[in-house]
Amino acid sequence: MKLYNTFIRTFTDLPNHTTLLIHSLSGCPLHCFGCHNYDEIVANTPKTYKTPDDLYDYLEKSGFLFDAIMFSGGEFLINPFDDVRDLLQEVRARFDGKLIVTTCGMYYQKLDTLYEENLVDGVHIDMKLPYHMLDVKDDAQIYKDIMGITPNQKLVAQLIASVDTVIKHNTIFDQVRTVRYPLLDEAFFTAIRQFVEERKAHHNSIVPYFLNEFVSPGLSS
């Protein structure tokens, strides 16, 4: 697995934690509107990169500087799951803090296995649209405008199941996140929040939800 050549320190992605943000260079199945990372690490993959061994060496020397590690992309879960498992297990062996994975939710089975095998402490999932209310045919253009994909029922079911699984996991280290895309009416964000709150009530969950303002592109989680 290739990793972005710079490991980034962040104080905002996981509240009350100093987090080491690590980007996989394995690509992304989406091309979201205004994506922060698309040009630099998806469309134009850097020629120089770090390897998992570089990460392990870094953690053994400097892991004490952080209390969380977040794996992002692109889409981190696009990687073969054996590679994901090996990387997370090796990091667990060297690092005592929290492990977080960010995802768009397209890889439900991989996400579910992260929890089943206790490979992560939390998942931060982007719920980009009110999937439960959109029709894959009538609203296909909305998916294309925001996520850069043509939707189908199977994909939508995966996205909804992934969000529900994160909420069900029920820790403060999980998150459901939405970007306030300027192309969308406020009703979209109201519908997303209502869905999240309904699922939180169903699971008696404390998982936080964040509606984040849209900002101009620049490398981020």
N, C-alpha and C. Protein backbone atom coordinates (compact mmCIF):
# COMPACT_ATOMS: atom_id res chain seq x y z
N MET A 1 0.84 -1.20 0.00
CA MET A 1 0.00 0.00 0.00
C MET A 1 0.88 1.25 0.00
N LYS A 2 0.59 2.18 -0.90
CA LYS A 2 1.31 3.44 -0.97
C LYS A 2 0.60 4.49 -0.11
N LEU A 3 1.39 5.26 0.62
CA LEU A 3 0.85 6.29 1.50
C LEU A 3 1.39 7.65 1.10
N TYR A 4 0.57 8.67 1.27
CA TYR A 4 0.99 10.04 0.96
C TYR A 4 2.27 10.36 1.70
N ASN A 5 3.16 11.08 1.02
CA ASN A 5 4.52 11.26 1.52
C ASN A 5 4.61 12.10 2.79
N THR A 6 3.55 12.84 3.10
CA THR A 6 3.53 13.67 4.30
C THR A 6 2.46 13.19 5.26
N PHE A 7 2.85 12.85 6.48
CA PHE A 7 1.89 12.55 7.53
C PHE A 7 1.50 13.88 8.18
N ILE A 8 0.22 14.11 8.33
CA ILE A 8 -0.29 15.43 8.72
C ILE A 8 -0.81 15.40 10.15
N ARG A 9 -0.40 16.37 10.95
CA ARG A 9 -0.93 16.49 12.31
C ARG A 9 -2.20 17.34 12.28
N THR A 10 -3.24 16.86 12.92
CA THR A 10 -4.50 17.59 12.96
C THR A 10 -5.07 17.58 14.37
N PHE A 11 -5.72 18.67 14.74
CA PHE A 11 -6.31 18.80 16.07
C PHE A 11 -7.84 18.87 16.01
N THR A 12 -8.40 18.76 14.82
CA THR A 12 -9.84 18.98 14.65
C THR A 12 -10.61 17.74 14.20
N ASP A 13 -9.96 16.80 13.54
CA ASP A 13 -10.71 15.66 12.99
C ASP A 13 -11.29 14.76 14.07
N LEU A 14 -10.58 14.60 15.17
CA LEU A 14 -11.09 13.86 16.32
C LEU A 14 -11.02 14.78 17.52
N PRO A 15 -12.16 15.31 17.96
CA PRO A 15 -12.15 16.29 19.05
C PRO A 15 -11.39 15.81 20.28
N ASN A 16 -10.61 16.72 20.84
CA ASN A 16 -9.84 16.49 22.08
C ASN A 16 -8.71 15.48 21.88
N HIS A 17 -8.30 15.28 20.64
CA HIS A 17 -7.18 14.39 20.36
C HIS A 17 -6.23 15.05 19.36
N THR A 18 -4.95 14.73 19.52
CA THR A 18 -3.95 15.07 18.52
C THR A 18 -3.82 13.88 17.59
N THR A 19 -4.16 14.09 16.33
CA THR A 19 -4.32 12.99 15.39
C THR A 19 -3.28 13.04 14.29
N LEU A 20 -2.74 11.88 13.95
CA LEU A 20 -1.86 11.74 12.79
C LEU A 20 -2.72 11.29 11.62
N LEU A 21 -2.81 12.14 10.59
CA LEU A 21 -3.65 11.88 9.44
C LEU A 21 -2.82 11.28 8.31
N ILE A 22 -3.22 10.09 7.86
CA ILE A 22 -2.47 9.35 6.86
C ILE A 22 -3.37 9.08 5.66
N HIS A 23 -2.91 9.48 4.48
CA HIS A 23 -3.69 9.31 3.26
C HIS A 23 -3.17 8.13 2.44
N SER A 24 -4.06 7.22 2.11
CA SER A 24 -3.74 6.17 1.14
C SER A 24 -3.74 6.75 -0.26
N LEU A 25 -2.86 6.23 -1.12
CA LEU A 25 -2.78 6.69 -2.50
C LEU A 25 -3.40 5.70 -3.47
N SER A 26 -4.35 4.91 -3.00
CA SER A 26 -4.92 3.83 -3.80
C SER A 26 -6.11 4.26 -4.65
N GLY A 27 -6.49 5.53 -4.57
CA GLY A 27 -7.56 6.03 -5.42
C GLY A 27 -8.87 6.19 -4.68
N CYS A 28 -9.93 6.47 -5.45
CA CYS A 28 -11.26 6.67 -4.90
C CYS A 28 -12.27 6.39 -6.00
N PRO A 29 -13.39 5.73 -5.67
CA PRO A 29 -14.42 5.46 -6.68
C PRO A 29 -15.30 6.67 -6.96
N LEU A 30 -15.15 7.73 -6.17
CA LEU A 30 -15.98 8.92 -6.33
C LEU A 30 -15.16 10.08 -6.90
N HIS A 31 -15.85 11.07 -7.40
CA HIS A 31 -15.24 12.34 -7.76
C HIS A 31 -16.19 13.42 -7.27
N CYS A 32 -16.15 13.66 -5.98
CA CYS A 32 -17.13 14.54 -5.34
C CYS A 32 -16.87 16.00 -5.69
N PHE A 33 -17.95 16.76 -5.69
CA PHE A 33 -17.88 18.19 -5.96
C PHE A 33 -16.92 18.86 -4.98
N GLY A 34 -15.91 19.56 -5.52
CA GLY A 34 -14.98 20.29 -4.67
C GLY A 34 -14.10 19.43 -3.80
N CYS A 35 -13.85 18.18 -4.19
CA CYS A 35 -13.05 17.27 -3.36
C CYS A 35 -11.70 17.89 -3.01
N HIS A 36 -11.35 17.86 -1.75
CA HIS A 36 -10.12 18.46 -1.27
C HIS A 36 -8.88 17.72 -1.77
N ASN A 37 -9.01 16.42 -2.02
CA ASN A 37 -7.83 15.60 -2.25
C ASN A 37 -7.72 15.07 -3.68
N TYR A 38 -8.73 15.32 -4.50
CA TYR A 38 -8.79 14.63 -5.79
C TYR A 38 -7.59 14.95 -6.69
N ASP A 39 -7.32 16.22 -6.90
CA ASP A 39 -6.27 16.59 -7.84
C ASP A 39 -4.89 16.12 -7.39
N GLU A 40 -4.64 16.22 -6.09
CA GLU A 40 -3.28 15.96 -5.61
C GLU A 40 -2.98 14.49 -5.36
N ILE A 41 -3.96 13.71 -4.90
CA ILE A 41 -3.62 12.33 -4.55
C ILE A 41 -4.47 11.28 -5.26
N VAL A 42 -5.46 11.70 -6.04
CA VAL A 42 -6.27 10.74 -6.79
C VAL A 42 -5.99 10.84 -8.28
N ALA A 43 -6.27 12.00 -8.87
CA ALA A 43 -6.08 12.17 -10.31
C ALA A 43 -4.60 12.21 -10.68
N ASN A 44 -3.79 12.79 -9.81
CA ASN A 44 -2.35 12.89 -10.07
C ASN A 44 -1.59 12.30 -8.89
N THR A 45 -1.52 10.98 -8.84
CA THR A 45 -0.89 10.30 -7.72
C THR A 45 0.58 10.70 -7.63
N PRO A 46 1.04 11.15 -6.48
CA PRO A 46 2.45 11.57 -6.35
C PRO A 46 3.42 10.44 -6.68
N LYS A 47 4.54 10.81 -7.30
CA LYS A 47 5.55 9.81 -7.65
C LYS A 47 6.35 9.36 -6.44
N THR A 48 6.46 10.22 -5.45
CA THR A 48 7.13 9.84 -4.21
C THR A 48 6.07 9.53 -3.16
N TYR A 49 6.34 8.55 -2.35
CA TYR A 49 5.36 8.10 -1.37
C TYR A 49 6.05 7.36 -0.23
N LYS A 50 5.30 7.14 0.83
CA LYS A 50 5.78 6.34 1.94
C LYS A 50 5.14 4.96 1.86
N THR A 51 5.77 4.00 2.51
CA THR A 51 5.28 2.63 2.58
C THR A 51 4.81 2.34 4.00
N PRO A 52 4.08 1.23 4.21
CA PRO A 52 3.74 0.85 5.59
C PRO A 52 4.96 0.73 6.49
N ASP A 53 6.07 0.23 5.97
CA ASP A 53 7.28 0.12 6.80
C ASP A 53 7.77 1.49 7.25
N ASP A 54 7.64 2.49 6.37
CA ASP A 54 8.00 3.86 6.77
C ASP A 54 7.11 4.33 7.91
N LEU A 55 5.83 3.98 7.83
CA LEU A 55 4.90 4.36 8.89
C LEU A 55 5.26 3.68 10.21
N TYR A 56 5.54 2.38 10.16
CA TYR A 56 5.88 1.66 11.38
C TYR A 56 7.13 2.27 12.03
N ASP A 57 8.13 2.59 11.20
CA ASP A 57 9.35 3.19 11.73
C ASP A 57 9.05 4.55 12.36
N TYR A 58 8.19 5.33 11.71
CA TYR A 58 7.82 6.64 12.23
C TYR A 58 7.12 6.50 13.58
N LEU A 59 6.22 5.53 13.71
CA LEU A 59 5.48 5.36 14.96
C LEU A 59 6.40 4.93 16.09
N GLU A 60 7.36 4.08 15.80
CA GLU A 60 8.27 3.63 16.85
C GLU A 60 9.15 4.78 17.34
N LYS A 61 9.40 5.76 16.48
CA LYS A 61 10.23 6.89 16.88
C LYS A 61 9.41 8.05 17.43
N SER A 62 8.20 8.27 16.88
CA SER A 62 7.46 9.49 17.20
C SER A 62 6.00 9.26 17.56
N GLY A 63 5.59 8.00 17.75
CA GLY A 63 4.20 7.72 18.03
C GLY A 63 3.68 8.35 19.31
N PHE A 64 4.59 8.65 20.24
CA PHE A 64 4.19 9.27 21.51
C PHE A 64 3.65 10.67 21.33
N LEU A 65 3.86 11.27 20.16
CA LEU A 65 3.40 12.64 19.92
C LEU A 65 1.91 12.72 19.61
N PHE A 66 1.26 11.57 19.41
CA PHE A 66 -0.13 11.53 19.00
C PHE A 66 -0.92 10.59 19.89
N ASP A 67 -2.23 10.81 19.98
CA ASP A 67 -3.06 9.85 20.69
C ASP A 67 -4.16 9.27 19.80
N ALA A 68 -4.06 9.57 18.49
CA ALA A 68 -4.98 8.96 17.52
C ALA A 68 -4.31 8.95 16.15
N ILE A 69 -4.69 7.98 15.34
CA ILE A 69 -4.25 7.91 13.95
C ILE A 69 -5.49 7.74 13.09
N MET A 70 -5.57 8.54 12.03
CA MET A 70 -6.72 8.47 11.13
C MET A 70 -6.23 8.11 9.73
N PHE A 71 -6.85 7.08 9.15
CA PHE A 71 -6.51 6.63 7.80
C PHE A 71 -7.58 7.12 6.84
N SER A 72 -7.14 7.88 5.83
CA SER A 72 -8.06 8.49 4.89
C SER A 72 -7.60 8.21 3.47
N GLY A 73 -8.04 9.02 2.52
CA GLY A 73 -7.68 8.83 1.12
C GLY A 73 -7.80 10.14 0.38
N GLY A 74 -8.27 10.05 -0.85
CA GLY A 74 -8.96 8.97 -1.50
C GLY A 74 -9.95 8.23 -0.58
N GLU A 75 -10.09 6.97 -0.91
CA GLU A 75 -10.94 6.07 -0.13
C GLU A 75 -10.07 4.94 0.40
N PHE A 76 -9.83 4.96 1.71
CA PHE A 76 -8.92 3.98 2.32
C PHE A 76 -9.40 2.56 2.09
N LEU A 77 -10.71 2.33 2.13
CA LEU A 77 -11.24 0.96 2.04
C LEU A 77 -11.30 0.45 0.61
N ILE A 78 -10.83 1.20 -0.36
CA ILE A 78 -10.71 0.68 -1.71
C ILE A 78 -9.58 -0.35 -1.80
N ASN A 79 -8.67 -0.32 -0.84
CA ASN A 79 -7.55 -1.26 -0.81
C ASN A 79 -8.05 -2.68 -0.54
N PRO A 80 -7.33 -3.70 -1.02
CA PRO A 80 -7.67 -5.09 -0.66
C PRO A 80 -7.74 -5.23 0.85
N PHE A 81 -8.76 -5.94 1.34
CA PHE A 81 -8.97 -5.94 2.79
C PHE A 81 -7.83 -6.62 3.54
N ASP A 82 -7.18 -7.60 2.95
CA ASP A 82 -6.03 -8.21 3.62
C ASP A 82 -4.95 -7.16 3.88
N ASP A 83 -4.75 -6.24 2.94
CA ASP A 83 -3.77 -5.18 3.14
C ASP A 83 -4.21 -4.22 4.24
N VAL A 84 -5.50 -3.90 4.25
CA VAL A 84 -6.05 -3.04 5.30
C VAL A 84 -5.86 -3.69 6.67
N ARG A 85 -6.23 -4.95 6.77
CA ARG A 85 -6.10 -5.68 8.04
C ARG A 85 -4.65 -5.71 8.51
N ASP A 86 -3.74 -6.08 7.61
CA ASP A 86 -2.32 -6.17 7.99
C ASP A 86 -1.80 -4.83 8.49
N LEU A 87 -2.14 -3.76 7.78
CA LEU A 87 -1.67 -2.44 8.18
C LEU A 87 -2.20 -2.05 9.55
N LEU A 88 -3.48 -2.22 9.78
CA LEU A 88 -4.07 -1.83 11.06
C LEU A 88 -3.55 -2.69 12.21
N GLN A 89 -3.37 -3.96 11.97
CA GLN A 89 -2.84 -4.83 13.02
C GLN A 89 -1.41 -4.45 13.38
N GLU A 90 -0.61 -4.14 12.37
CA GLU A 90 0.77 -3.74 12.65
C GLU A 90 0.82 -2.41 13.39
N VAL A 91 -0.07 -1.49 13.03
CA VAL A 91 -0.11 -0.22 13.74
C VAL A 91 -0.56 -0.43 15.18
N ARG A 92 -1.57 -1.29 15.40
CA ARG A 92 -2.03 -1.61 16.75
C ARG A 92 -0.88 -2.10 17.62
N ALA A 93 0.00 -2.90 17.03
CA ALA A 93 1.11 -3.48 17.79
C ALA A 93 2.13 -2.43 18.23
N ARG A 94 2.11 -1.27 17.56
CA ARG A 94 3.12 -0.24 17.82
C ARG A 94 2.56 1.03 18.45
N PHE A 95 1.24 1.12 18.53
CA PHE A 95 0.61 2.38 18.91
C PHE A 95 -0.54 2.12 19.87
N ASP A 96 -0.56 2.86 20.98
CA ASP A 96 -1.56 2.62 22.02
C ASP A 96 -2.80 3.50 21.88
N GLY A 97 -2.79 4.45 20.95
CA GLY A 97 -3.90 5.37 20.83
C GLY A 97 -5.06 4.82 20.01
N LYS A 98 -5.96 5.71 19.64
CA LYS A 98 -7.16 5.34 18.90
C LYS A 98 -6.88 5.26 17.40
N LEU A 99 -7.51 4.29 16.74
CA LEU A 99 -7.39 4.14 15.29
C LEU A 99 -8.74 4.44 14.65
N ILE A 100 -8.72 5.34 13.68
CA ILE A 100 -9.92 5.78 12.99
C ILE A 100 -9.74 5.58 11.49
N VAL A 101 -10.80 5.15 10.82
CA VAL A 101 -10.81 5.07 9.37
C VAL A 101 -11.92 5.96 8.84
N THR A 102 -11.64 6.73 7.80
CA THR A 102 -12.68 7.51 7.14
C THR A 102 -13.12 6.78 5.87
N THR A 103 -14.39 6.92 5.52
CA THR A 103 -14.91 6.22 4.36
C THR A 103 -16.14 6.93 3.80
N CYS A 104 -16.40 6.68 2.53
CA CYS A 104 -17.62 7.19 1.91
C CYS A 104 -18.80 6.25 2.15
N GLY A 105 -18.51 5.00 2.55
CA GLY A 105 -19.58 4.05 2.84
C GLY A 105 -19.88 3.06 1.74
N MET A 106 -19.15 3.11 0.64
CA MET A 106 -19.44 2.20 -0.47
C MET A 106 -19.04 0.75 -0.19
N TYR A 107 -18.14 0.57 0.76
CA TYR A 107 -17.61 -0.78 1.03
C TYR A 107 -18.14 -1.28 2.37
N TYR A 108 -19.43 -1.55 2.39
CA TYR A 108 -20.09 -1.89 3.65
C TYR A 108 -19.47 -3.11 4.32
N GLN A 109 -19.22 -4.18 3.58
CA GLN A 109 -18.72 -5.40 4.20
C GLN A 109 -17.35 -5.18 4.83
N LYS A 110 -16.51 -4.42 4.17
CA LYS A 110 -15.20 -4.10 4.75
C LYS A 110 -15.36 -3.27 6.02
N LEU A 111 -16.24 -2.29 5.98
CA LEU A 111 -16.49 -1.47 7.16
C LEU A 111 -16.97 -2.33 8.33
N ASP A 112 -17.93 -3.20 8.05
CA ASP A 112 -18.48 -4.06 9.09
C ASP A 112 -17.39 -4.95 9.69
N THR A 113 -16.49 -5.44 8.84
CA THR A 113 -15.41 -6.31 9.33
C THR A 113 -14.41 -5.55 10.17
N LEU A 114 -14.21 -4.27 9.88
CA LEU A 114 -13.34 -3.45 10.74
C LEU A 114 -13.81 -3.51 12.18
N TYR A 115 -15.12 -3.40 12.37
CA TYR A 115 -15.69 -3.46 13.72
C TYR A 115 -15.64 -4.88 14.28
N GLU A 116 -16.02 -5.86 13.47
CA GLU A 116 -16.07 -7.24 13.94
C GLU A 116 -14.72 -7.72 14.45
N GLU A 117 -13.65 -7.31 13.77
CA GLU A 117 -12.31 -7.76 14.13
C GLU A 117 -11.58 -6.78 15.04
N ASN A 118 -12.29 -5.76 15.51
CA ASN A 118 -11.72 -4.78 16.43
C ASN A 118 -10.44 -4.15 15.87
N LEU A 119 -10.48 -3.85 14.58
CA LEU A 119 -9.32 -3.26 13.93
C LEU A 119 -9.27 -1.74 14.12
N VAL A 120 -10.42 -1.14 14.45
CA VAL A 120 -10.49 0.30 14.63
C VAL A 120 -11.30 0.62 15.89
N ASP A 121 -11.09 1.84 16.36
CA ASP A 121 -11.89 2.33 17.48
C ASP A 121 -13.10 3.11 16.98
N GLY A 122 -13.03 3.60 15.75
CA GLY A 122 -14.14 4.34 15.20
C GLY A 122 -14.01 4.51 13.70
N VAL A 123 -15.12 4.85 13.08
CA VAL A 123 -15.17 5.15 11.65
C VAL A 123 -15.85 6.50 11.47
N HIS A 124 -15.26 7.34 10.63
CA HIS A 124 -15.88 8.60 10.25
C HIS A 124 -16.42 8.44 8.84
N ILE A 125 -17.73 8.53 8.71
CA ILE A 125 -18.38 8.26 7.43
C ILE A 125 -19.04 9.52 6.90
N ASP A 126 -18.88 9.73 5.61
CA ASP A 126 -19.50 10.89 4.96
C ASP A 126 -20.85 10.48 4.39
N MET A 127 -21.92 11.10 4.89
CA MET A 127 -23.24 10.93 4.30
C MET A 127 -23.49 12.16 3.45
N LYS A 128 -23.23 12.02 2.15
CA LYS A 128 -23.17 13.17 1.27
C LYS A 128 -24.53 13.63 0.78
N LEU A 129 -25.51 12.71 0.78
CA LEU A 129 -26.85 13.00 0.29
C LEU A 129 -27.87 12.25 1.14
N PRO A 130 -29.14 12.65 1.11
CA PRO A 130 -30.18 11.87 1.80
C PRO A 130 -30.56 10.66 0.94
N TYR A 131 -29.68 9.66 0.97
CA TYR A 131 -29.82 8.51 0.09
C TYR A 131 -31.20 7.86 0.19
N HIS A 132 -31.74 7.85 1.40
CA HIS A 132 -33.01 7.17 1.66
C HIS A 132 -34.19 7.84 0.97
N MET A 133 -34.01 9.09 0.50
CA MET A 133 -35.12 9.83 -0.08
C MET A 133 -34.99 10.02 -1.60
N LEU A 134 -33.83 9.67 -2.16
CA LEU A 134 -33.59 9.92 -3.57
C LEU A 134 -33.87 8.69 -4.41
N ASP A 135 -34.37 8.91 -5.61
CA ASP A 135 -34.63 7.84 -6.56
C ASP A 135 -33.42 7.69 -7.48
N VAL A 136 -32.95 6.45 -7.67
CA VAL A 136 -31.71 6.25 -8.44
C VAL A 136 -31.87 6.68 -9.89
N LYS A 137 -33.09 6.69 -10.42
CA LYS A 137 -33.30 7.12 -11.80
C LYS A 137 -33.65 8.61 -11.86
N ASP A 138 -34.67 9.00 -11.13
CA ASP A 138 -35.13 10.39 -11.21
C ASP A 138 -34.10 11.37 -10.66
N ASP A 139 -33.32 10.94 -9.69
CA ASP A 139 -32.35 11.83 -9.05
C ASP A 139 -30.91 11.49 -9.39
N ALA A 140 -30.72 10.78 -10.50
CA ALA A 140 -29.37 10.36 -10.89
C ALA A 140 -28.44 11.55 -11.08
N GLN A 141 -28.96 12.65 -11.59
CA GLN A 141 -28.10 13.81 -11.84
C GLN A 141 -27.58 14.42 -10.54
N ILE A 142 -28.36 14.32 -9.48
CA ILE A 142 -27.89 14.83 -8.18
C ILE A 142 -26.68 14.03 -7.72
N TYR A 143 -26.75 12.70 -7.86
CA TYR A 143 -25.60 11.87 -7.51
C TYR A 143 -24.39 12.23 -8.35
N LYS A 144 -24.60 12.45 -9.65
CA LYS A 144 -23.48 12.80 -10.53
C LYS A 144 -22.87 14.14 -10.15
N ASP A 145 -23.73 15.11 -9.82
CA ASP A 145 -23.23 16.45 -9.49
C ASP A 145 -22.45 16.47 -8.19
N ILE A 146 -22.91 15.72 -7.20
CA ILE A 146 -22.30 15.75 -5.86
C ILE A 146 -21.22 14.69 -5.69
N MET A 147 -21.47 13.47 -6.16
CA MET A 147 -20.56 12.36 -5.90
C MET A 147 -19.80 11.88 -7.15
N GLY A 148 -20.22 12.34 -8.31
CA GLY A 148 -19.52 11.96 -9.52
C GLY A 148 -19.76 10.53 -9.96
N ILE A 149 -20.90 9.94 -9.59
CA ILE A 149 -21.19 8.55 -9.91
C ILE A 149 -22.62 8.43 -10.45
N THR A 150 -22.88 7.30 -11.13
CA THR A 150 -24.23 6.92 -11.51
C THR A 150 -24.74 5.93 -10.47
N PRO A 151 -25.83 6.23 -9.77
CA PRO A 151 -26.28 5.39 -8.67
C PRO A 151 -27.04 4.16 -9.16
N ASN A 152 -27.11 3.16 -8.28
CA ASN A 152 -28.00 2.01 -8.46
C ASN A 152 -28.49 1.58 -7.09
N GLN A 153 -29.49 0.72 -7.07
CA GLN A 153 -30.11 0.33 -5.80
C GLN A 153 -29.13 -0.37 -4.87
N LYS A 154 -28.27 -1.22 -5.43
CA LYS A 154 -27.30 -1.94 -4.59
C LYS A 154 -26.34 -0.97 -3.92
N LEU A 155 -25.85 0.01 -4.68
CA LEU A 155 -24.94 1.00 -4.12
C LEU A 155 -25.61 1.78 -3.01
N VAL A 156 -26.83 2.24 -3.24
CA VAL A 156 -27.54 3.03 -2.24
C VAL A 156 -27.76 2.20 -0.97
N ALA A 157 -28.09 0.93 -1.13
CA ALA A 157 -28.27 0.06 0.03
C ALA A 157 -26.97 -0.06 0.83
N GLN A 158 -25.83 -0.15 0.13
CA GLN A 158 -24.53 -0.21 0.81
C GLN A 158 -24.27 1.08 1.59
N LEU A 159 -24.55 2.21 0.97
CA LEU A 159 -24.31 3.49 1.63
C LEU A 159 -25.15 3.64 2.89
N ILE A 160 -26.43 3.28 2.79
CA ILE A 160 -27.33 3.39 3.96
C ILE A 160 -26.92 2.42 5.05
N ALA A 161 -26.58 1.19 4.67
CA ALA A 161 -26.16 0.19 5.66
C ALA A 161 -24.89 0.62 6.38
N SER A 162 -23.98 1.25 5.66
CA SER A 162 -22.74 1.70 6.27
C SER A 162 -22.99 2.79 7.30
N VAL A 163 -23.83 3.76 6.95
CA VAL A 163 -24.15 4.82 7.90
C VAL A 163 -24.80 4.23 9.15
N ASP A 164 -25.73 3.33 8.95
CA ASP A 164 -26.43 2.72 10.08
C ASP A 164 -25.48 1.93 10.96
N THR A 165 -24.51 1.25 10.35
CA THR A 165 -23.55 0.45 11.11
C THR A 165 -22.65 1.33 11.96
N VAL A 166 -22.24 2.47 11.42
CA VAL A 166 -21.42 3.41 12.20
C VAL A 166 -22.21 3.93 13.39
N ILE A 167 -23.46 4.30 13.16
CA ILE A 167 -24.30 4.79 14.25
C ILE A 167 -24.51 3.70 15.30
N LYS A 168 -24.73 2.49 14.84
CA LYS A 168 -24.96 1.36 15.75
C LYS A 168 -23.73 1.07 16.60
N HIS A 169 -22.53 1.31 16.07
CA HIS A 169 -21.30 1.05 16.83
C HIS A 169 -21.26 1.87 18.10
N ASN A 170 -21.77 3.11 18.03
CA ASN A 170 -22.13 3.85 19.24
C ASN A 170 -20.96 4.21 20.14
N THR A 171 -19.96 4.91 19.55
CA THR A 171 -18.90 5.46 20.39
C THR A 171 -18.67 6.92 19.99
N ILE A 172 -17.99 7.64 20.87
CA ILE A 172 -17.65 9.04 20.56
C ILE A 172 -16.53 9.12 19.54
N PHE A 173 -15.92 7.99 19.21
CA PHE A 173 -14.85 7.99 18.22
C PHE A 173 -15.37 7.81 16.80
N ASP A 174 -16.65 7.46 16.67
CA ASP A 174 -17.31 7.40 15.37
C ASP A 174 -17.88 8.77 15.03
N GLN A 175 -18.12 9.00 13.73
CA GLN A 175 -18.77 10.24 13.30
C GLN A 175 -19.55 9.98 12.03
N VAL A 176 -20.66 10.69 11.89
CA VAL A 176 -21.32 10.85 10.60
C VAL A 176 -21.14 12.31 10.21
N ARG A 177 -20.69 12.53 8.96
CA ARG A 177 -20.34 13.88 8.54
C ARG A 177 -21.02 14.21 7.20
N THR A 178 -21.39 15.47 7.05
CA THR A 178 -21.94 15.96 5.79
C THR A 178 -21.29 17.29 5.46
N VAL A 179 -20.98 17.48 4.19
CA VAL A 179 -20.49 18.77 3.71
C VAL A 179 -21.69 19.58 3.21
N ARG A 180 -21.72 20.84 3.57
CA ARG A 180 -22.80 21.70 3.11
C ARG A 180 -22.49 22.15 1.66
N TYR A 181 -22.73 21.22 0.72
CA TYR A 181 -22.44 21.52 -0.68
C TYR A 181 -23.29 22.68 -1.16
N PRO A 182 -22.68 23.69 -1.80
CA PRO A 182 -23.44 24.87 -2.21
C PRO A 182 -24.45 24.59 -3.32
N LEU A 183 -24.34 23.44 -3.98
CA LEU A 183 -25.28 23.09 -5.04
C LEU A 183 -26.63 22.65 -4.49
N LEU A 184 -26.69 22.32 -3.20
CA LEU A 184 -27.88 21.71 -2.63
C LEU A 184 -28.70 22.70 -1.80
N ASP A 185 -29.99 22.52 -1.85
CA ASP A 185 -30.90 23.29 -1.01
C ASP A 185 -30.79 22.83 0.44
N GLU A 186 -31.14 23.72 1.36
CA GLU A 186 -31.06 23.40 2.79
C GLU A 186 -31.91 22.19 3.15
N ALA A 187 -32.95 21.91 2.38
CA ALA A 187 -33.81 20.77 2.67
C ALA A 187 -33.05 19.45 2.62
N PHE A 188 -32.02 19.38 1.79
CA PHE A 188 -31.20 18.16 1.72
C PHE A 188 -30.52 17.90 3.06
N PHE A 189 -29.98 18.94 3.65
CA PHE A 189 -29.24 18.79 4.90
C PHE A 189 -30.19 18.51 6.07
N THR A 190 -31.36 19.09 6.01
CA THR A 190 -32.38 18.78 7.03
C THR A 190 -32.76 17.32 6.97
N ALA A 191 -32.93 16.79 5.76
CA ALA A 191 -33.32 15.39 5.60
C ALA A 191 -32.22 14.45 6.08
N ILE A 192 -30.96 14.79 5.82
CA ILE A 192 -29.85 13.96 6.29
C ILE A 192 -29.82 13.93 7.81
N ARG A 193 -29.91 15.12 8.41
CA ARG A 193 -29.87 15.18 9.88
C ARG A 193 -31.03 14.40 10.50
N GLN A 194 -32.21 14.51 9.93
CA GLN A 194 -33.35 13.78 10.46
C GLN A 194 -33.13 12.28 10.39
N PHE A 195 -32.57 11.81 9.27
CA PHE A 195 -32.27 10.38 9.14
C PHE A 195 -31.28 9.94 10.21
N VAL A 196 -30.21 10.71 10.37
CA VAL A 196 -29.18 10.34 11.36
C VAL A 196 -29.78 10.34 12.76
N GLU A 197 -30.56 11.34 13.09
CA GLU A 197 -31.15 11.41 14.42
C GLU A 197 -32.14 10.27 14.67
N GLU A 198 -32.87 9.90 13.65
CA GLU A 198 -33.80 8.76 13.79
C GLU A 198 -33.04 7.46 14.04
N ARG A 199 -31.95 7.25 13.31
CA ARG A 199 -31.16 6.03 13.51
C ARG A 199 -30.44 6.06 14.85
N LYS A 200 -30.02 7.23 15.29
CA LYS A 200 -29.40 7.34 16.61
C LYS A 200 -30.40 6.99 17.70
N ALA A 201 -31.63 7.47 17.56
CA ALA A 201 -32.66 7.15 18.54
C ALA A 201 -32.95 5.65 18.53
N HIS A 202 -32.99 5.06 17.35
CA HIS A 202 -33.26 3.62 17.23
C HIS A 202 -32.19 2.80 17.95
N HIS A 203 -30.95 3.20 17.79
CA HIS A 203 -29.83 2.45 18.38
C HIS A 203 -29.41 3.00 19.74
N ASN A 204 -30.12 4.02 20.24
CA ASN A 204 -29.72 4.68 21.48
C ASN A 204 -28.25 5.06 21.42
N SER A 205 -27.88 5.75 20.35
CA SER A 205 -26.48 5.99 20.02
C SER A 205 -26.05 7.42 20.34
N ILE A 206 -24.76 7.53 20.73
CA ILE A 206 -24.17 8.84 21.01
C ILE A 206 -23.26 9.31 19.89
N VAL A 207 -23.23 8.61 18.78
CA VAL A 207 -22.33 8.98 17.68
C VAL A 207 -22.64 10.42 17.23
N PRO A 208 -21.62 11.28 17.18
CA PRO A 208 -21.86 12.68 16.80
C PRO A 208 -22.09 12.83 15.31
N TYR A 209 -22.87 13.84 14.97
CA TYR A 209 -23.11 14.22 13.58
C TYR A 209 -22.60 15.63 13.37
N PHE A 210 -21.89 15.85 12.25
CA PHE A 210 -21.35 17.17 11.94
C PHE A 210 -21.77 17.58 10.53
N LEU A 211 -22.32 18.78 10.42
CA LEU A 211 -22.57 19.41 9.13
C LEU A 211 -21.47 20.45 8.94
N ASN A 212 -20.54 20.15 8.05
CA ASN A 212 -19.35 20.98 7.87
C ASN A 212 -19.51 21.93 6.69
N GLU A 213 -19.07 23.15 6.84
CA GLU A 213 -19.17 24.12 5.77
C GLU A 213 -18.27 23.73 4.60
N PHE A 214 -18.73 24.00 3.41
CA PHE A 214 -17.94 23.77 2.20
C PHE A 214 -16.81 24.80 2.13
N VAL A 215 -15.59 24.30 1.90
CA VAL A 215 -14.46 25.20 1.74
C VAL A 215 -13.74 24.86 0.45
N SER A 216 -12.91 25.78 -0.01
CA SER A 216 -12.18 25.57 -1.25
C SER A 216 -11.22 24.39 -1.12
N PRO A 217 -10.94 23.69 -2.23
CA PRO A 217 -10.09 22.49 -2.17
C PRO A 217 -8.71 22.77 -1.60
N GLY A 218 -8.15 21.73 -0.95
CA GLY A 218 -6.84 21.73 -0.33
C GLY A 218 -6.75 20.44 0.47
N LEU A 219 -5.60 19.81 0.59
CA LEU A 219 -5.50 18.47 1.15
C LEU A 219 -6.10 18.37 2.53
N SER A 220 -6.98 17.40 2.71
CA SER A 220 -7.74 17.26 3.95
C SER A 220 -8.13 15.81 4.13
N SER A 221 -8.87 15.53 5.22
CA SER A 221 -9.38 14.19 5.46
C SER A 221 -10.70 13.99 4.76
